[in-house]
Each structure stands twice: as structure tokens, then as C-alpha cells.
Amino acid sequence: MKKIFLFSIIVGLSFSCAKKVSEENKAPKAKDQRATVVGGDSDAHGCKASAGYTWSELTKKCVRLFEAGTKLSHAEDGKTYSTVAYVIFEGNKAELFLDTQKESILLERKSEGDSWNKGDYQLIPWKGYVLKKAGKIIYTGE
């Protein structure tokens, strides 16, 4: 009787250990993950996008558009949109940042009170600012 009891305990333990080993083999192994460095996203000019900085060709430095720029709200078709554009002014030049463009657009004006122009784009100082593309109002702002 003791032999049967002892034999059943040994058999039971061996099955439970085998099950644990097979479960460990089935578990996915952790991949070698590299640590992500916060703030390690500098662009070619050294601007950190994660901190909100963008390179300005006009000022030749990294700027935070929401601090240094003038905000223009989308105004096409009289509908409400969540996109915005930013403009930075310096003398008779203006740099336009659109969400649809990878690069900024440099606009120029001839004299004080005139509109800034480049190609199809025209930035008009009227009740704040109005940005037109090919004669159609696309953004307005203060």
C-alpha cells in the first residue's frame, strides 16, 4: 500500500513538472528592445519636434510656432475645421507654415500695408489676416 501511494505521488509530481516546463517553452520571449531616448528626435537643424520646435528659414533658428507665430484658422467653405496655419513676420517677409506642406513658404511684400505674396499664396492684412490660395480664402486669423 505504501508503495502504491509513493508511486502515485512520484507520477503526479512528474506530470505537474512536465506541464510547467512545456508552458514556459510556449511563452513568448521578450525581444531585444532598445531604450528610447526622450528628446532624441532632433532634426537636421537640431530642432526637437517633441518639444514643439520647428526650423524657421526666415529667422534661422528653432521656433515654437504656437508661441512665436500668428495663428490662422481654416476658413474654407464656411465650415469649422481643426487645422491651423502659422505665420512668422520679419520686416517685409513672412514665413507660412501649413499642415499640408513639408517645407515652409516664404512670402514677401513690396511695402508696408501691401499683402505678402508667393505664387498662388497671398496673405492680406485685413481684420487680422486673410490667407488666399488662387484667390480663394483658406485661412483667417488675428
Protein backbone atom coordinates (compact mmCIF):
# COMPACT_ATOMS: atom_id res chain seq x y z
CA MET A 1 0.00 0.00 0.00
CA LYS A 2 2.80 2.38 0.86
CA LYS A 3 4.50 1.53 -2.43
CA ILE A 4 1.38 2.36 -4.47
CA PHE A 5 0.88 5.63 -2.58
CA LEU A 6 4.53 6.61 -3.05
CA PHE A 7 4.43 5.62 -6.74
CA SER A 8 1.29 7.75 -7.37
CA ILE A 9 2.91 10.81 -5.72
CA ILE A 10 6.03 10.44 -7.88
CA VAL A 11 3.94 10.06 -11.06
CA GLY A 12 1.77 13.08 -10.11
CA LEU A 13 4.80 15.29 -9.45
CA SER A 14 6.48 14.31 -12.70
CA PHE A 15 3.38 15.24 -14.74
CA SER A 16 2.97 18.59 -12.97
CA CYS A 17 6.64 19.50 -13.56
CA ALA A 18 6.43 18.48 -17.22
CA LYS A 19 3.37 20.71 -17.68
CA LYS A 20 5.19 23.70 -16.15
CA VAL A 21 8.23 23.20 -18.40
CA SER A 22 6.03 23.00 -21.53
CA GLU A 23 4.18 26.21 -20.54
CA GLU A 24 7.48 28.04 -20.12
CA ASN A 25 8.57 26.93 -23.59
CA LYS A 26 5.31 28.25 -25.11
CA ALA A 27 5.60 31.71 -23.51
CA PRO A 28 6.83 34.36 -25.99
CA LYS A 29 10.35 35.50 -25.31
CA ALA A 30 11.00 39.21 -24.85
CA LYS A 31 12.66 40.81 -27.85
CA ASP A 32 15.76 42.88 -27.50
CA GLN A 33 14.30 46.38 -27.21
CA ARG A 34 16.44 49.47 -27.39
CA ALA A 35 15.72 52.21 -24.93
CA THR A 36 14.03 55.23 -26.47
CA VAL A 37 15.76 58.45 -25.52
CA VAL A 38 13.30 61.22 -24.71
CA GLY A 39 14.24 64.37 -26.62
CA GLY A 40 16.41 62.40 -29.03
CA ASP A 41 14.37 63.46 -32.05
CA SER A 42 16.45 66.38 -33.30
CA ASP A 43 16.03 67.24 -36.98
CA ALA A 44 18.82 68.30 -39.37
CA HIS A 45 18.90 71.77 -37.75
CA GLY A 46 18.90 70.47 -34.16
CA CYS A 47 15.23 71.36 -33.51
CA LYS A 48 13.40 68.99 -31.16
CA ALA A 49 9.93 68.28 -32.53
CA SER A 50 8.91 66.53 -29.29
CA ALA A 51 9.40 69.85 -27.50
CA GLY A 52 7.37 71.69 -30.16
CA TYR A 53 10.27 73.23 -32.09
CA THR A 54 10.33 73.75 -35.86
CA TRP A 55 13.09 75.22 -38.02
CA SER A 56 12.37 78.69 -39.39
CA GLU A 57 14.17 79.67 -42.60
CA LEU A 58 13.21 83.29 -42.00
CA THR A 59 14.72 83.65 -38.52
CA LYS A 60 17.36 80.91 -38.98
CA LYS A 61 16.56 79.34 -35.61
CA CYS A 62 14.30 76.78 -33.96
CA VAL A 63 10.95 78.27 -33.00
CA ARG A 64 7.77 77.12 -31.30
CA LEU A 65 5.08 78.23 -33.72
CA PHE A 66 2.35 78.37 -31.07
CA GLU A 67 4.49 80.90 -29.15
CA ALA A 68 6.28 82.89 -31.88
CA GLY A 69 3.80 82.65 -34.74
CA THR A 70 0.45 84.16 -35.59
CA LYS A 71 -2.28 81.53 -35.70
CA LEU A 72 -4.59 81.33 -38.71
CA SER A 73 -7.71 79.13 -38.58
CA HIS A 74 -9.01 77.15 -41.53
CA ALA A 75 -11.87 79.03 -43.20
CA GLU A 76 -12.69 77.15 -46.38
CA ASP A 77 -16.38 76.87 -47.34
CA GLY A 78 -17.53 78.48 -44.09
CA LYS A 79 -17.17 75.12 -42.27
CA THR A 80 -15.37 74.58 -38.99
CA TYR A 81 -12.06 72.70 -39.30
CA SER A 82 -9.48 71.80 -36.71
CA THR A 83 -6.43 72.59 -38.84
CA VAL A 84 -4.41 75.74 -38.39
CA ALA A 85 -1.58 77.56 -40.11
CA TYR A 86 1.06 79.77 -38.54
CA VAL A 87 2.87 82.84 -39.84
CA ILE A 88 6.08 84.42 -38.59
CA PHE A 89 6.78 88.01 -39.64
CA GLU A 90 10.11 89.76 -40.04
CA GLY A 91 10.31 93.07 -41.88
CA ASN A 92 8.69 92.73 -45.30
CA LYS A 93 8.89 88.94 -45.22
CA ALA A 94 6.54 86.37 -43.77
CA GLU A 95 7.07 82.63 -43.33
CA LEU A 96 3.98 80.49 -43.71
CA PHE A 97 3.66 77.07 -42.05
CA LEU A 98 0.84 74.89 -43.42
CA ASP A 99 -0.05 71.38 -42.26
CA THR A 100 -0.28 70.30 -45.91
CA GLN A 101 3.31 71.36 -46.72
CA LYS A 102 6.53 69.73 -45.52
CA GLU A 103 8.51 72.92 -46.03
CA SER A 104 7.52 76.43 -45.00
CA ILE A 105 6.65 79.04 -47.63
CA LEU A 106 8.43 82.42 -47.65
CA LEU A 107 6.20 85.31 -48.69
CA GLU A 108 7.33 88.86 -49.49
CA ARG A 109 5.66 92.25 -49.77
CA LYS A 110 6.82 95.39 -51.52
CA SER A 111 5.97 97.92 -48.81
CA GLU A 112 4.10 98.49 -45.55
CA GLY A 113 0.36 97.85 -45.92
CA ASP A 114 0.74 95.62 -49.00
CA SER A 115 -0.04 91.92 -48.99
CA TRP A 116 2.66 89.23 -48.79
CA ASN A 117 2.79 87.09 -51.94
CA LYS A 118 4.41 84.00 -53.41
CA GLY A 119 2.98 82.02 -56.30
CA ASP A 120 -0.71 81.29 -55.66
CA TYR A 121 -0.49 82.36 -52.00
CA GLN A 122 -1.48 85.83 -50.84
CA LEU A 123 -1.53 86.93 -47.18
CA ILE A 124 -3.64 90.06 -46.77
CA PRO A 125 -3.59 92.26 -43.63
CA TRP A 126 -7.36 92.78 -43.27
CA LYS A 127 -9.26 92.45 -39.95
CA GLY A 128 -6.27 90.48 -38.79
CA TYR A 129 -5.01 88.36 -41.67
CA VAL A 130 -6.59 86.52 -44.58
CA LEU A 131 -4.68 83.84 -46.48
CA LYS A 132 -5.79 83.16 -50.03
CA LYS A 133 -4.67 80.48 -52.44
CA ALA A 134 -5.53 81.11 -56.09
CA GLY A 135 -7.98 83.83 -54.99
CA LYS A 136 -9.86 81.56 -52.58
CA ILE A 137 -9.81 82.27 -48.81
CA ILE A 138 -8.36 79.26 -46.98
CA TYR A 139 -7.31 80.70 -43.58
CA THR A 140 -8.14 83.73 -41.44
CA GLY A 141 -6.68 84.93 -38.16
CA GLU A 142 -5.62 87.79 -35.94
